[in-house]
Amino acid sequence: MDKITIGHDAGKIWLLLSNHKKWSCSDLKEKSGLKERELFAAIGWLARENKIEIVQEADELYVDLYVNVYIG
């Protein structure tokens, strides 16, 4: 796994999240076709870029797009 692959996988996840639905990591894994380590590398990439929010509910992690609104 290299940076280019991780960035590509992050793009896949971002596209899935672009419907503004909160996704469980298990649903993202299934829908994206990524292996667990690929999924979490992609999620880490998006988190580092401050593009997503990650929330733990019970035994599941959920991910959704971070909405950054500037009013100026």
N, C-alpha and C. Protein backbone atom coordinates (compact mmCIF):
# COMPACT_ATOMS: atom_id res chain seq x y z
N MET A 1 0.86 -1.17 0.00
CA MET A 1 0.00 0.00 0.00
C MET A 1 0.90 1.23 0.00
N ASP A 2 0.64 2.16 -0.91
CA ASP A 2 1.42 3.39 -0.98
C ASP A 2 0.48 4.60 -0.93
N LYS A 3 1.06 5.80 -0.90
CA LYS A 3 0.27 7.02 -0.77
C LYS A 3 -0.71 7.20 -1.92
N ILE A 4 -0.30 6.84 -3.11
CA ILE A 4 -1.18 7.01 -4.27
C ILE A 4 -2.42 6.12 -4.12
N THR A 5 -2.21 4.88 -3.71
CA THR A 5 -3.33 3.95 -3.51
C THR A 5 -4.24 4.42 -2.39
N ILE A 6 -3.65 4.88 -1.30
CA ILE A 6 -4.45 5.37 -0.17
C ILE A 6 -5.28 6.58 -0.61
N GLY A 7 -4.67 7.49 -1.36
CA GLY A 7 -5.39 8.67 -1.85
C GLY A 7 -6.53 8.27 -2.78
N HIS A 8 -6.30 7.29 -3.63
CA HIS A 8 -7.34 6.80 -4.52
C HIS A 8 -8.49 6.18 -3.71
N ASP A 9 -8.14 5.38 -2.71
CA ASP A 9 -9.16 4.77 -1.85
C ASP A 9 -9.93 5.83 -1.07
N ALA A 10 -9.24 6.89 -0.64
CA ALA A 10 -9.90 7.99 0.07
C ALA A 10 -10.92 8.66 -0.86
N GLY A 11 -10.59 8.77 -2.13
CA GLY A 11 -11.53 9.32 -3.10
C GLY A 11 -12.78 8.46 -3.23
N LYS A 12 -12.61 7.14 -3.21
CA LYS A 12 -13.77 6.23 -3.25
C LYS A 12 -14.68 6.47 -2.06
N ILE A 13 -14.06 6.57 -0.88
CA ILE A 13 -14.85 6.77 0.34
C ILE A 13 -15.53 8.13 0.31
N TRP A 14 -14.81 9.15 -0.13
CA TRP A 14 -15.39 10.49 -0.20
C TRP A 14 -16.61 10.50 -1.11
N LEU A 15 -16.52 9.82 -2.25
CA LEU A 15 -17.67 9.75 -3.17
C LEU A 15 -18.87 9.07 -2.51
N LEU A 16 -18.62 8.01 -1.76
CA LEU A 16 -19.73 7.36 -1.06
C LEU A 16 -20.35 8.29 -0.03
N LEU A 17 -19.51 9.05 0.66
CA LEU A 17 -20.00 9.96 1.70
C LEU A 17 -20.67 11.20 1.12
N SER A 18 -20.48 11.46 -0.16
CA SER A 18 -20.98 12.70 -0.74
C SER A 18 -22.50 12.76 -0.82
N ASN A 19 -23.18 11.66 -0.49
CA ASN A 19 -24.65 11.71 -0.44
C ASN A 19 -25.13 12.27 0.90
N HIS A 20 -24.19 12.70 1.76
CA HIS A 20 -24.47 13.31 3.06
C HIS A 20 -25.22 12.39 4.01
N LYS A 21 -24.98 11.11 3.86
CA LYS A 21 -25.54 10.11 4.77
C LYS A 21 -24.43 9.69 5.73
N LYS A 22 -24.80 9.40 6.95
CA LYS A 22 -23.84 8.87 7.91
C LYS A 22 -23.69 7.37 7.64
N TRP A 23 -22.47 6.93 7.37
CA TRP A 23 -22.20 5.53 7.02
C TRP A 23 -21.49 4.83 8.17
N SER A 24 -21.86 3.59 8.41
CA SER A 24 -21.08 2.77 9.35
C SER A 24 -19.84 2.29 8.61
N CYS A 25 -18.78 2.03 9.34
CA CYS A 25 -17.56 1.53 8.70
C CYS A 25 -17.80 0.19 8.04
N SER A 26 -18.65 -0.64 8.63
CA SER A 26 -18.93 -1.94 8.00
C SER A 26 -19.66 -1.76 6.67
N ASP A 27 -20.58 -0.78 6.58
CA ASP A 27 -21.26 -0.51 5.31
C ASP A 27 -20.30 0.07 4.28
N LEU A 28 -19.41 0.97 4.73
CA LEU A 28 -18.42 1.53 3.82
C LEU A 28 -17.50 0.45 3.26
N LYS A 29 -17.11 -0.46 4.13
CA LYS A 29 -16.23 -1.56 3.71
C LYS A 29 -16.92 -2.41 2.66
N GLU A 30 -18.16 -2.75 2.91
CA GLU A 30 -18.92 -3.59 1.98
C GLU A 30 -19.14 -2.87 0.64
N LYS A 31 -19.58 -1.63 0.69
CA LYS A 31 -19.93 -0.90 -0.53
C LYS A 31 -18.69 -0.53 -1.36
N SER A 32 -17.58 -0.21 -0.68
CA SER A 32 -16.37 0.21 -1.38
C SER A 32 -15.58 -0.97 -1.93
N GLY A 33 -15.74 -2.13 -1.31
CA GLY A 33 -14.96 -3.29 -1.71
C GLY A 33 -13.53 -3.27 -1.18
N LEU A 34 -13.25 -2.35 -0.26
CA LEU A 34 -11.91 -2.26 0.31
C LEU A 34 -11.74 -3.24 1.46
N LYS A 35 -10.51 -3.67 1.66
CA LYS A 35 -10.19 -4.47 2.85
C LYS A 35 -10.18 -3.54 4.05
N GLU A 36 -10.25 -4.11 5.24
CA GLU A 36 -10.34 -3.29 6.45
C GLU A 36 -9.17 -2.32 6.57
N ARG A 37 -7.95 -2.79 6.36
CA ARG A 37 -6.80 -1.89 6.52
C ARG A 37 -6.79 -0.80 5.45
N GLU A 38 -7.27 -1.10 4.24
CA GLU A 38 -7.36 -0.09 3.19
C GLU A 38 -8.41 0.95 3.54
N LEU A 39 -9.54 0.48 4.08
CA LEU A 39 -10.61 1.39 4.49
C LEU A 39 -10.12 2.35 5.57
N PHE A 40 -9.46 1.81 6.59
CA PHE A 40 -9.04 2.68 7.69
C PHE A 40 -7.89 3.60 7.30
N ALA A 41 -7.06 3.19 6.34
CA ALA A 41 -6.04 4.11 5.82
C ALA A 41 -6.71 5.27 5.08
N ALA A 42 -7.74 4.95 4.29
CA ALA A 42 -8.48 5.99 3.56
C ALA A 42 -9.21 6.92 4.51
N ILE A 43 -9.82 6.36 5.54
CA ILE A 43 -10.50 7.18 6.55
C ILE A 43 -9.49 8.09 7.26
N GLY A 44 -8.32 7.55 7.57
CA GLY A 44 -7.27 8.36 8.19
C GLY A 44 -6.85 9.51 7.30
N TRP A 45 -6.74 9.25 6.01
CA TRP A 45 -6.38 10.30 5.04
C TRP A 45 -7.42 11.43 5.07
N LEU A 46 -8.69 11.04 5.00
CA LEU A 46 -9.77 12.04 5.00
C LEU A 46 -9.85 12.77 6.34
N ALA A 47 -9.60 12.07 7.43
CA ALA A 47 -9.63 12.70 8.74
C ALA A 47 -8.49 13.72 8.86
N ARG A 48 -7.32 13.38 8.34
CA ARG A 48 -6.18 14.28 8.40
C ARG A 48 -6.44 15.55 7.59
N GLU A 49 -7.21 15.40 6.51
CA GLU A 49 -7.58 16.56 5.70
C GLU A 49 -8.79 17.29 6.26
N ASN A 50 -9.28 16.85 7.41
CA ASN A 50 -10.42 17.47 8.09
C ASN A 50 -11.68 17.46 7.22
N LYS A 51 -11.89 16.37 6.48
CA LYS A 51 -13.04 16.26 5.59
C LYS A 51 -14.16 15.41 6.15
N ILE A 52 -13.90 14.70 7.24
CA ILE A 52 -14.92 13.80 7.79
C ILE A 52 -15.02 13.95 9.29
N GLU A 53 -16.15 13.49 9.79
CA GLU A 53 -16.35 13.35 11.23
C GLU A 53 -16.51 11.86 11.51
N ILE A 54 -15.94 11.42 12.60
CA ILE A 54 -16.03 10.02 13.00
C ILE A 54 -16.70 9.98 14.36
N VAL A 55 -17.76 9.18 14.46
CA VAL A 55 -18.53 9.08 15.70
C VAL A 55 -18.67 7.62 16.09
N GLN A 56 -18.45 7.31 17.35
CA GLN A 56 -18.66 5.95 17.84
C GLN A 56 -20.03 5.87 18.49
N GLU A 57 -20.84 4.94 18.03
CA GLU A 57 -22.16 4.68 18.62
C GLU A 57 -22.24 3.20 18.92
N ALA A 58 -22.37 2.88 20.19
CA ALA A 58 -22.38 1.48 20.64
C ALA A 58 -21.10 0.80 20.15
N ASP A 59 -21.21 -0.26 19.40
CA ASP A 59 -20.04 -1.01 18.95
C ASP A 59 -19.63 -0.68 17.53
N GLU A 60 -20.14 0.38 16.96
CA GLU A 60 -19.89 0.70 15.55
C GLU A 60 -19.34 2.11 15.40
N LEU A 61 -18.41 2.27 14.46
CA LEU A 61 -17.92 3.59 14.09
C LEU A 61 -18.73 4.08 12.90
N TYR A 62 -19.09 5.35 12.91
CA TYR A 62 -19.82 5.97 11.81
C TYR A 62 -19.00 7.14 11.27
N VAL A 63 -19.09 7.34 9.97
CA VAL A 63 -18.34 8.38 9.30
C VAL A 63 -19.30 9.20 8.45
N ASP A 64 -19.14 10.50 8.48
CA ASP A 64 -19.88 11.36 7.55
C ASP A 64 -19.02 12.55 7.19
N LEU A 65 -19.42 13.26 6.15
CA LEU A 65 -18.64 14.41 5.70
C LEU A 65 -18.71 15.52 6.73
N TYR A 66 -17.59 16.17 6.92
CA TYR A 66 -17.52 17.32 7.80
C TYR A 66 -18.00 18.52 7.03
N VAL A 67 -18.98 19.20 7.55
CA VAL A 67 -19.52 20.38 6.88
C VAL A 67 -18.86 21.61 7.49
N ASN A 68 -18.13 22.31 6.64
CA ASN A 68 -17.44 23.51 7.07
C ASN A 68 -18.10 24.69 6.37
N VAL A 69 -18.80 25.49 7.12
CA VAL A 69 -19.54 26.61 6.54
C VAL A 69 -18.85 27.91 6.96
N TYR A 70 -18.54 28.73 5.97
CA TYR A 70 -17.96 30.03 6.23
C TYR A 70 -19.01 31.10 5.90
N ILE A 71 -19.31 31.91 6.88
CA ILE A 71 -20.23 33.02 6.66
C ILE A 71 -19.45 34.30 6.91
N GLY A 72 -19.28 35.07 5.90
CA GLY A 72 -18.43 36.24 6.07
C GLY A 72 -18.93 37.36 5.33
